[in-house]
PDB file of all heavy atoms in Angstrom:
ATOM      1  N   GLY A   1      75.555 -48.841  87.920  1.00  0.00           N
ATOM      2  CA  GLY A   1      75.451 -50.238  88.454  1.00  0.00           C
ATOM      3  C   GLY A   1      76.085 -51.310  87.688  1.00  0.00           C
ATOM      4  O   GLY A   1      76.284 -52.436  88.092  1.00  0.00           O
ATOM      5  N   HIS A   2      76.676 -50.965  86.473  1.00  0.00           N
ATOM      6  CA  HIS A   2      77.369 -51.963  85.716  1.00  0.00           C
ATOM      7  C   HIS A   2      78.231 -51.320  84.664  1.00  0.00           C
ATOM      8  O   HIS A   2      78.028 -50.097  84.375  1.00  0.00           O
ATOM      9  CB  HIS A   2      76.295 -52.913  85.038  1.00  0.00           C
ATOM     10  CG  HIS A   2      75.354 -52.237  84.287  1.00  0.00           C
ATOM     11  ND1 HIS A   2      75.456 -51.913  82.885  1.00  0.00           N
ATOM     12  CD2 HIS A   2      74.042 -51.862  84.616  1.00  0.00           C
ATOM     13  CE1 HIS A   2      74.340 -51.321  82.469  1.00  0.00           C
ATOM     14  NE2 HIS A   2      73.533 -51.217  83.499  1.00  0.00           N
ATOM     15  N   THR A   3      79.072 -51.997  83.981  1.00  0.00           N
ATOM     16  CA  THR A   3      79.781 -51.435  82.919  1.00  0.00           C
ATOM     17  C   THR A   3      79.043 -51.439  81.658  1.00  0.00           C
ATOM     18  O   THR A   3      78.002 -52.106  81.547  1.00  0.00           O
ATOM     19  CB  THR A   3      81.068 -52.276  82.673  1.00  0.00           C
ATOM     20  OG1 THR A   3      80.689 -53.621  82.291  1.00  0.00           O
ATOM     21  CG2 THR A   3      82.061 -52.285  83.768  1.00  0.00           C
ATOM     22  N   GLY A   4      79.355 -50.628  80.687  1.00  0.00           N
ATOM     23  CA  GLY A   4      78.636 -50.481  79.429  1.00  0.00           C
ATOM     24  C   GLY A   4      78.734 -49.054  78.883  1.00  0.00           C
ATOM     25  O   GLY A   4      79.638 -48.356  79.246  1.00  0.00           O
ATOM     26  N   VAL A   5      77.842 -48.764  77.957  1.00  0.00           N
ATOM     27  CA  VAL A   5      77.802 -47.463  77.222  1.00  0.00           C
ATOM     28  C   VAL A   5      76.735 -46.609  78.123  1.00  0.00           C
ATOM     29  O   VAL A   5      75.594 -46.991  78.122  1.00  0.00           O
ATOM     30  CB  VAL A   5      77.351 -47.605  75.789  1.00  0.00           C
ATOM     31  CG1 VAL A   5      77.202 -46.273  75.151  1.00  0.00           C
ATOM     32  CG2 VAL A   5      78.358 -48.447  75.043  1.00  0.00           C
ATOM     33  N   TRP A   6      77.256 -45.468  78.540  1.00  0.00           N
ATOM     34  CA  TRP A   6      76.375 -44.665  79.425  1.00  0.00           C
ATOM     35  C   TRP A   6      76.301 -43.273  78.779  1.00  0.00           C
ATOM     36  O   TRP A   6      77.195 -42.803  78.071  1.00  0.00           O
ATOM     37  CB  TRP A   6      76.962 -44.621  80.788  1.00  0.00           C
ATOM     38  CG  TRP A   6      76.785 -45.814  81.531  1.00  0.00           C
ATOM     39  CD1 TRP A   6      77.569 -46.881  81.598  1.00  0.00           C
ATOM     40  CD2 TRP A   6      75.730 -46.049  82.495  1.00  0.00           C
ATOM     41  NE1 TRP A   6      77.088 -47.845  82.396  1.00  0.00           N
ATOM     42  CE2 TRP A   6      75.947 -47.369  82.995  1.00  0.00           C
ATOM     43  CE3 TRP A   6      74.606 -45.391  82.918  1.00  0.00           C
ATOM     44  CZ2 TRP A   6      75.100 -47.944  83.853  1.00  0.00           C
ATOM     45  CZ3 TRP A   6      73.748 -45.946  83.781  1.00  0.00           C
ATOM     46  CH2 TRP A   6      74.030 -47.235  84.370  1.00  0.00           C
ATOM     47  N   SER A   7      75.158 -42.560  79.098  1.00  0.00           N
ATOM     48  CA  SER A   7      74.937 -41.298  78.692  1.00  0.00           C
ATOM     49  C   SER A   7      74.390 -40.406  79.767  1.00  0.00           C
ATOM     50  O   SER A   7      73.524 -40.941  80.499  1.00  0.00           O
ATOM     51  CB  SER A   7      73.953 -41.189  77.476  1.00  0.00           C
ATOM     52  OG  SER A   7      73.625 -39.815  77.094  1.00  0.00           O
ATOM     53  N   LEU A   8      74.951 -39.242  79.993  1.00  0.00           N
ATOM     54  CA  LEU A   8      74.373 -38.253  80.998  1.00  0.00           C
ATOM     55  C   LEU A   8      73.556 -37.292  80.152  1.00  0.00           C
ATOM     56  O   LEU A   8      74.088 -36.554  79.313  1.00  0.00           O
ATOM     57  CB  LEU A   8      75.548 -37.595  81.681  1.00  0.00           C
ATOM     58  CG  LEU A   8      75.199 -36.576  82.786  1.00  0.00           C
ATOM     59  CD1 LEU A   8      74.515 -37.246  83.982  1.00  0.00           C
ATOM     60  CD2 LEU A   8      76.423 -35.875  83.204  1.00  0.00           C
ATOM     61  N   SER A   9      72.285 -37.154  80.410  1.00  0.00           N
ATOM     62  CA  SER A   9      71.394 -36.381  79.574  1.00  0.00           C
ATOM     63  C   SER A   9      70.200 -35.918  80.328  1.00  0.00           C
ATOM     64  O   SER A   9      69.779 -36.450  81.375  1.00  0.00           O
ATOM     65  CB  SER A   9      70.997 -37.353  78.398  1.00  0.00           C
ATOM     66  OG  SER A   9      70.204 -36.445  77.456  1.00  0.00           O
ATOM     67  N   LYS A  10      69.631 -34.777  79.808  1.00  0.00           N
ATOM     68  CA  LYS A  10      68.380 -34.345  80.311  1.00  0.00           C
ATOM     69  C   LYS A  10      67.212 -35.101  79.653  1.00  0.00           C
ATOM     70  O   LYS A  10      67.208 -35.189  78.437  1.00  0.00           O
ATOM     71  CB  LYS A  10      68.237 -32.860  80.030  1.00  0.00           C
ATOM     72  CG  LYS A  10      67.005 -32.150  80.607  1.00  0.00           C
ATOM     73  CD  LYS A  10      67.120 -30.649  80.336  1.00  0.00           C
ATOM     74  CE  LYS A  10      65.898 -30.036  80.894  1.00  0.00           C
ATOM     75  NZ  LYS A  10      65.886 -28.578  80.728  1.00  0.00           N
ATOM     76  N   VAL A  11      66.298 -35.563  80.503  1.00  0.00           N
ATOM     77  CA  VAL A  11      65.048 -36.200  79.878  1.00  0.00           C
ATOM     78  C   VAL A  11      64.330 -35.339  79.089  1.00  0.00           C
ATOM     79  O   VAL A  11      64.157 -34.105  79.411  1.00  0.00           O
ATOM     80  CB  VAL A  11      64.222 -36.756  81.021  1.00  0.00           C
ATOM     81  CG1 VAL A  11      62.956 -37.413  80.490  1.00  0.00           C
ATOM     82  CG2 VAL A  11      65.009 -37.764  81.827  1.00  0.00           C
ATOM     83  N   SER A  12      63.824 -35.761  77.936  1.00  0.00           N
ATOM     84  CA  SER A  12      63.027 -34.902  77.042  1.00  0.00           C
ATOM     85  C   SER A  12      61.889 -34.242  77.654  1.00  0.00           C
ATOM     86  O   SER A  12      61.236 -34.817  78.515  1.00  0.00           O
ATOM     87  CB  SER A  12      62.515 -35.686  75.811  1.00  0.00           C
ATOM     88  OG  SER A  12      61.744 -34.915  74.977  1.00  0.00           O
ATOM     89  N   ASP A  13      61.511 -33.053  77.246  1.00  0.00           N
ATOM     90  CA  ASP A  13      60.500 -32.246  77.882  1.00  0.00           C
ATOM     91  C   ASP A  13      59.142 -32.771  77.424  1.00  0.00           C
ATOM     92  O   ASP A  13      58.050 -32.366  77.982  1.00  0.00           O
ATOM     93  CB  ASP A  13      60.506 -30.809  77.509  1.00  0.00           C
ATOM     94  CG  ASP A  13      61.731 -30.164  78.152  1.00  0.00           C
ATOM     95  OD1 ASP A  13      62.233 -30.649  79.154  1.00  0.00           O
ATOM     96  OD2 ASP A  13      62.224 -29.123  77.605  1.00  0.00           O
ATOM     97  N   THR A  14      59.069 -33.664  76.403  1.00  0.00           N
ATOM     98  CA  THR A  14      57.824 -34.239  75.943  1.00  0.00           C
ATOM     99  C   THR A  14      57.940 -35.746  75.880  1.00  0.00           C
ATOM    100  O   THR A  14      59.012 -36.304  75.827  1.00  0.00           O
ATOM    101  CB  THR A  14      57.401 -33.699  74.549  1.00  0.00           C
ATOM    102  OG1 THR A  14      58.254 -34.235  73.571  1.00  0.00           O
ATOM    103  CG2 THR A  14      57.387 -32.206  74.434  1.00  0.00           C
ATOM    104  N   ALA A  15      56.718 -36.349  75.882  1.00  0.00           N
ATOM    105  CA  ALA A  15      56.760 -37.896  75.926  1.00  0.00           C
ATOM    106  C   ALA A  15      57.347 -38.422  74.600  1.00  0.00           C
ATOM    107  O   ALA A  15      58.081 -39.392  74.720  1.00  0.00           O
ATOM    108  CB  ALA A  15      55.335 -38.377  75.927  1.00  0.00           C
ATOM    109  N   ASP A  16      57.236 -37.779  73.548  1.00  0.00           N
ATOM    110  CA  ASP A  16      57.714 -38.302  72.223  1.00  0.00           C
ATOM    111  C   ASP A  16      59.130 -37.810  71.931  1.00  0.00           C
ATOM    112  O   ASP A  16      59.759 -38.255  71.016  1.00  0.00           O
ATOM    113  CB  ASP A  16      56.861 -37.900  71.059  1.00  0.00           C
ATOM    114  CG  ASP A  16      55.446 -38.590  71.120  1.00  0.00           C
ATOM    115  OD1 ASP A  16      55.336 -39.405  71.965  1.00  0.00           O
ATOM    116  OD2 ASP A  16      54.705 -38.249  70.246  1.00  0.00           O
ATOM    117  N   GLY A  17      59.688 -36.785  72.751  1.00  0.00           N
ATOM    118  CA  GLY A  17      61.005 -36.267  72.465  1.00  0.00           C
ATOM    119  C   GLY A  17      60.878 -35.468  71.172  1.00  0.00           C
ATOM    120  O   GLY A  17      60.018 -34.663  70.980  1.00  0.00           O
ATOM    121  N   THR A  18      61.742 -35.661  70.255  1.00  0.00           N
ATOM    122  CA  THR A  18      61.744 -34.925  68.982  1.00  0.00           C
ATOM    123  C   THR A  18      61.155 -35.838  67.795  1.00  0.00           C
ATOM    124  O   THR A  18      61.061 -36.930  67.878  1.00  0.00           O
ATOM    125  CB  THR A  18      63.211 -34.527  68.615  1.00  0.00           C
ATOM    126  OG1 THR A  18      63.959 -35.709  68.451  1.00  0.00           O
ATOM    127  CG2 THR A  18      63.877 -33.698  69.702  1.00  0.00           C
ATOM    128  N   THR A  19      60.644 -35.096  66.862  1.00  0.00           N
ATOM    129  CA  THR A  19      60.022 -35.671  65.674  1.00  0.00           C
ATOM    130  C   THR A  19      60.619 -35.117  64.361  1.00  0.00           C
ATOM    131  O   THR A  19      60.605 -33.900  64.293  1.00  0.00           O
ATOM    132  CB  THR A  19      58.492 -35.510  65.764  1.00  0.00           C
ATOM    133  OG1 THR A  19      58.001 -36.045  66.923  1.00  0.00           O
ATOM    134  CG2 THR A  19      57.827 -36.201  64.520  1.00  0.00           C
ATOM    135  N   TYR A  20      60.992 -35.965  63.463  1.00  0.00           N
ATOM    136  CA  TYR A  20      61.486 -35.572  62.189  1.00  0.00           C
ATOM    137  C   TYR A  20      60.547 -36.089  61.069  1.00  0.00           C
ATOM    138  O   TYR A  20      60.397 -37.346  61.058  1.00  0.00           O
ATOM    139  CB  TYR A  20      62.867 -36.049  61.892  1.00  0.00           C
ATOM    140  CG  TYR A  20      63.524 -35.641  60.671  1.00  0.00           C
ATOM    141  CD1 TYR A  20      63.952 -34.319  60.537  1.00  0.00           C
ATOM    142  CD2 TYR A  20      63.565 -36.479  59.614  1.00  0.00           C
ATOM    143  CE1 TYR A  20      64.513 -33.882  59.272  1.00  0.00           C
ATOM    144  CE2 TYR A  20      64.109 -36.074  58.405  1.00  0.00           C
ATOM    145  CZ  TYR A  20      64.628 -34.820  58.164  1.00  0.00           C
ATOM    146  OH  TYR A  20      64.997 -34.330  56.982  1.00  0.00           O
ATOM    147  N   ARG A  21      60.024 -35.262  60.179  1.00  0.00           N
ATOM    148  CA  ARG A  21      59.159 -35.770  59.131  1.00  0.00           C
ATOM    149  C   ARG A  21      59.829 -35.427  57.799  1.00  0.00           C
ATOM    150  O   ARG A  21      60.556 -34.462  57.600  1.00  0.00           O
ATOM    151  CB  ARG A  21      57.931 -35.041  59.136  1.00  0.00           C
ATOM    152  CG  ARG A  21      57.097 -35.284  60.344  1.00  0.00           C
ATOM    153  CD  ARG A  21      55.668 -34.563  60.379  1.00  0.00           C
ATOM    154  NE  ARG A  21      54.993 -34.766  61.519  1.00  0.00           N
ATOM    155  CZ  ARG A  21      54.631 -33.814  62.333  1.00  0.00           C
ATOM    156  NH1 ARG A  21      54.866 -32.612  62.039  1.00  0.00           N
ATOM    157  NH2 ARG A  21      53.957 -34.066  63.484  1.00  0.00           N
ATOM    158  N   GLU A  22      59.680 -36.336  56.859  1.00  0.00           N
ATOM    159  CA  GLU A  22      60.413 -36.248  55.562  1.00  0.00           C
ATOM    160  C   GLU A  22      59.637 -37.080  54.498  1.00  0.00           C
ATOM    161  O   GLU A  22      58.823 -37.870  54.833  1.00  0.00           O
ATOM    162  CB  GLU A  22      61.767 -36.801  55.728  1.00  0.00           C
ATOM    163  CG  GLU A  22      62.674 -36.744  54.488  1.00  0.00           C
ATOM    164  CD  GLU A  22      63.042 -35.315  54.029  1.00  0.00           C
ATOM    165  OE1 GLU A  22      64.129 -34.885  54.465  1.00  0.00           O
ATOM    166  OE2 GLU A  22      62.242 -34.752  53.267  1.00  0.00           O
ATOM    167  N   ARG A  23      59.879 -36.811  53.248  1.00  0.00           N
ATOM    168  CA  ARG A  23      59.402 -37.520  52.148  1.00  0.00           C
ATOM    169  C   ARG A  23      60.593 -37.925  51.269  1.00  0.00           C
ATOM    170  O   ARG A  23      61.423 -37.263  50.961  1.00  0.00           O
ATOM    171  CB  ARG A  23      58.422 -36.625  51.334  1.00  0.00           C
ATOM    172  CG  ARG A  23      57.814 -37.388  50.237  1.00  0.00           C
ATOM    173  CD  ARG A  23      56.748 -36.545  49.518  1.00  0.00           C
ATOM    174  NE  ARG A  23      55.993 -37.301  48.586  1.00  0.00           N
ATOM    175  CZ  ARG A  23      55.605 -36.875  47.393  1.00  0.00           C
ATOM    176  NH1 ARG A  23      55.754 -35.602  47.037  1.00  0.00           N
ATOM    177  NH2 ARG A  23      54.871 -37.631  46.614  1.00  0.00           N
ATOM    178  N   ILE A  24      60.542 -39.159  50.738  1.00  0.00           N
ATOM    179  CA  ILE A  24      61.490 -39.689  49.860  1.00  0.00           C
ATOM    180  C   ILE A  24      60.890 -39.894  48.425  1.00  0.00           C
ATOM    181  O   ILE A  24      59.836 -40.667  48.354  1.00  0.00           O
ATOM    182  CB  ILE A  24      62.151 -41.062  50.388  1.00  0.00           C
ATOM    183  CG1 ILE A  24      62.764 -40.909  51.717  1.00  0.00           C
ATOM    184  CG2 ILE A  24      63.154 -41.506  49.307  1.00  0.00           C
ATOM    185  CD1 ILE A  24      63.297 -42.192  52.393  1.00  0.00           C
ATOM    186  N   ILE A  25      61.525 -39.333  47.473  1.00  0.00           N
ATOM    187  CA  ILE A  25      60.991 -39.479  46.094  1.00  0.00           C
ATOM    188  C   ILE A  25      62.144 -39.869  45.193  1.00  0.00           C
ATOM    189  O   ILE A  25      63.302 -39.615  45.405  1.00  0.00           O
ATOM    190  CB  ILE A  25      60.340 -38.197  45.586  1.00  0.00           C
ATOM    191  CG1 ILE A  25      61.244 -37.059  45.578  1.00  0.00           C
ATOM    192  CG2 ILE A  25      59.036 -37.841  46.355  1.00  0.00           C
ATOM    193  CD1 ILE A  25      60.800 -35.736  44.962  1.00  0.00           C
ATOM    194  N   TYR A  26      61.741 -40.543  44.099  1.00  0.00           N
ATOM    195  CA  TYR A  26      62.674 -40.838  42.973  1.00  0.00           C
ATOM    196  C   TYR A  26      63.000 -39.588  42.210  1.00  0.00           C
ATOM    197  O   TYR A  26      62.337 -38.462  42.402  1.00  0.00           O
ATOM    198  CB  TYR A  26      62.186 -41.898  42.052  1.00  0.00           C
ATOM    199  CG  TYR A  26      62.047 -43.293  42.749  1.00  0.00           C
ATOM    200  CD1 TYR A  26      60.853 -43.742  42.987  1.00  0.00           C
ATOM    201  CD2 TYR A  26      63.086 -44.068  42.937  1.00  0.00           C
ATOM    202  CE1 TYR A  26      60.674 -45.044  43.604  1.00  0.00           C
ATOM    203  CE2 TYR A  26      63.022 -45.283  43.548  1.00  0.00           C
ATOM    204  CZ  TYR A  26      61.712 -45.771  43.929  1.00  0.00           C
ATOM    205  OH  TYR A  26      61.685 -47.062  44.494  1.00  0.00           O
ATOM    206  N   LYS A  27      64.045 -39.536  41.415  1.00  0.00           N
ATOM    207  CA  LYS A  27      64.427 -38.328  40.618  1.00  0.00           C
ATOM    208  C   LYS A  27      63.250 -37.855  39.728  1.00  0.00           C
ATOM    209  O   LYS A  27      63.156 -36.631  39.531  1.00  0.00           O
ATOM    210  CB  LYS A  27      65.676 -38.686  39.769  1.00  0.00           C
ATOM    211  CG  LYS A  27      66.897 -38.802  40.446  1.00  0.00           C
ATOM    212  CD  LYS A  27      68.156 -39.038  39.514  1.00  0.00           C
ATOM    213  CE  LYS A  27      69.366 -39.143  40.415  1.00  0.00           C
ATOM    214  NZ  LYS A  27      70.563 -39.177  39.628  1.00  0.00           N
ATOM    215  N   ASP A  28      62.379 -38.694  39.317  1.00  0.00           N
ATOM    216  CA  ASP A  28      61.312 -38.324  38.444  1.00  0.00           C
ATOM    217  C   ASP A  28      60.078 -37.780  39.272  1.00  0.00           C
ATOM    218  O   ASP A  28      59.106 -37.455  38.683  1.00  0.00           O
ATOM    219  CB  ASP A  28      60.818 -39.404  37.617  1.00  0.00           C
ATOM    220  CG  ASP A  28      60.210 -40.674  38.269  1.00  0.00           C
ATOM    221  OD1 ASP A  28      60.066 -40.585  39.508  1.00  0.00           O
ATOM    222  OD2 ASP A  28      59.878 -41.679  37.654  1.00  0.00           O
ATOM    223  N   GLY A  29      60.225 -37.785  40.535  1.00  0.00           N
ATOM    224  CA  GLY A  29      59.254 -37.150  41.435  1.00  0.00           C
ATOM    225  C   GLY A  29      58.195 -38.237  42.057  1.00  0.00           C
ATOM    226  O   GLY A  29      57.394 -37.787  42.871  1.00  0.00           O
ATOM    227  N   THR A  30      58.251 -39.462  41.616  1.00  0.00           N
ATOM    228  CA  THR A  30      57.390 -40.385  42.154  1.00  0.00           C
ATOM    229  C   THR A  30      57.849 -40.833  43.523  1.00  0.00           C
ATOM    230  O   THR A  30      58.903 -40.848  43.841  1.00  0.00           O
ATOM    231  CB  THR A  30      57.296 -41.684  41.285  1.00  0.00           C
ATOM    232  OG1 THR A  30      58.556 -42.291  41.088  1.00  0.00           O
ATOM    233  CG2 THR A  30      56.708 -41.339  39.817  1.00  0.00           C
ATOM    234  N   PRO A  31      56.854 -41.166  44.428  1.00  0.00           N
ATOM    235  CA  PRO A  31      57.134 -41.545  45.875  1.00  0.00           C
ATOM    236  C   PRO A  31      57.918 -42.878  45.966  1.00  0.00           C
ATOM    237  O   PRO A  31      57.530 -43.793  45.250  1.00  0.00           O
ATOM    238  CB  PRO A  31      55.813 -41.470  46.513  1.00  0.00           C
ATOM    239  CG  PRO A  31      54.839 -41.768  45.488  1.00  0.00           C
ATOM    240  CD  PRO A  31      55.309 -41.121  44.237  1.00  0.00           C
ATOM    241  N   VAL A  32      58.788 -42.991  46.876  1.00  0.00           N
ATOM    242  CA  VAL A  32      59.472 -44.268  47.254  1.00  0.00           C
ATOM    243  C   VAL A  32      58.588 -44.837  48.303  1.00  0.00           C
ATOM    244  O   VAL A  32      58.541 -44.427  49.442  1.00  0.00           O
ATOM    245  CB  VAL A  32      60.855 -43.976  47.703  1.00  0.00           C
ATOM    246  CG1 VAL A  32      61.541 -45.314  48.115  1.00  0.00           C
ATOM    247  CG2 VAL A  32      61.698 -43.273  46.567  1.00  0.00           C
ATOM    248  N   LYS A  33      57.891 -45.938  47.948  1.00  0.00           N
ATOM    249  CA  LYS A  33      56.856 -46.606  48.884  1.00  0.00           C
ATOM    250  C   LYS A  33      57.487 -47.790  49.592  1.00  0.00           C
ATOM    251  O   LYS A  33      58.380 -48.515  49.119  1.00  0.00           O
ATOM    252  CB  LYS A  33      55.733 -47.072  48.051  1.00  0.00           C
ATOM    253  CG  LYS A  33      55.055 -46.089  47.217  1.00  0.00           C
ATOM    254  CD  LYS A  33      53.950 -46.762  46.390  1.00  0.00           C
ATOM    255  CE  LYS A  33      53.388 -45.874  45.344  1.00  0.00           C
ATOM    256  NZ  LYS A  33      52.399 -46.460  44.453  1.00  0.00           N
ATOM    257  N   ASN A  34      57.042 -47.949  50.945  1.00  0.00           N
ATOM    258  CA  ASN A  34      57.369 -49.082  51.683  1.00  0.00           C
ATOM    259  C   ASN A  34      58.837 -49.391  51.853  1.00  0.00           C
ATOM    260  O   ASN A  34      59.318 -50.513  51.714  1.00  0.00           O
ATOM    261  CB  ASN A  34      56.614 -50.325  51.159  1.00  0.00           C
ATOM    262  CG  ASN A  34      55.166 -50.127  51.136  1.00  0.00           C
ATOM    263  OD1 ASN A  34      54.544 -49.634  51.975  1.00  0.00           O
ATOM    264  ND2 ASN A  34      54.573 -50.499  49.988  1.00  0.00           N
ATOM    265  N   VAL A  35      59.666 -48.336  52.046  1.00  0.00           N
ATOM    266  CA  VAL A  35      61.071 -48.456  52.271  1.00  0.00           C
ATOM    267  C   VAL A  35      61.371 -48.225  53.804  1.00  0.00           C
ATOM    268  O   VAL A  35      60.800 -47.345  54.324  1.00  0.00           O
ATOM    269  CB  VAL A  35      61.929 -47.423  51.341  1.00  0.00           C
ATOM    270  CG1 VAL A  35      63.361 -47.350  51.813  1.00  0.00           C
ATOM    271  CG2 VAL A  35      61.732 -47.761  49.914  1.00  0.00           C
TER     272      VAL A  35
END
């Protein structure tokens, strides 16, 4: 219906799509908080 950036894709099979979990720590092993 208009110009722009378009994608042709299959809708995710779940409501949330994909999920990635990770932990960020400093070199000394302490957690990196509130980043």
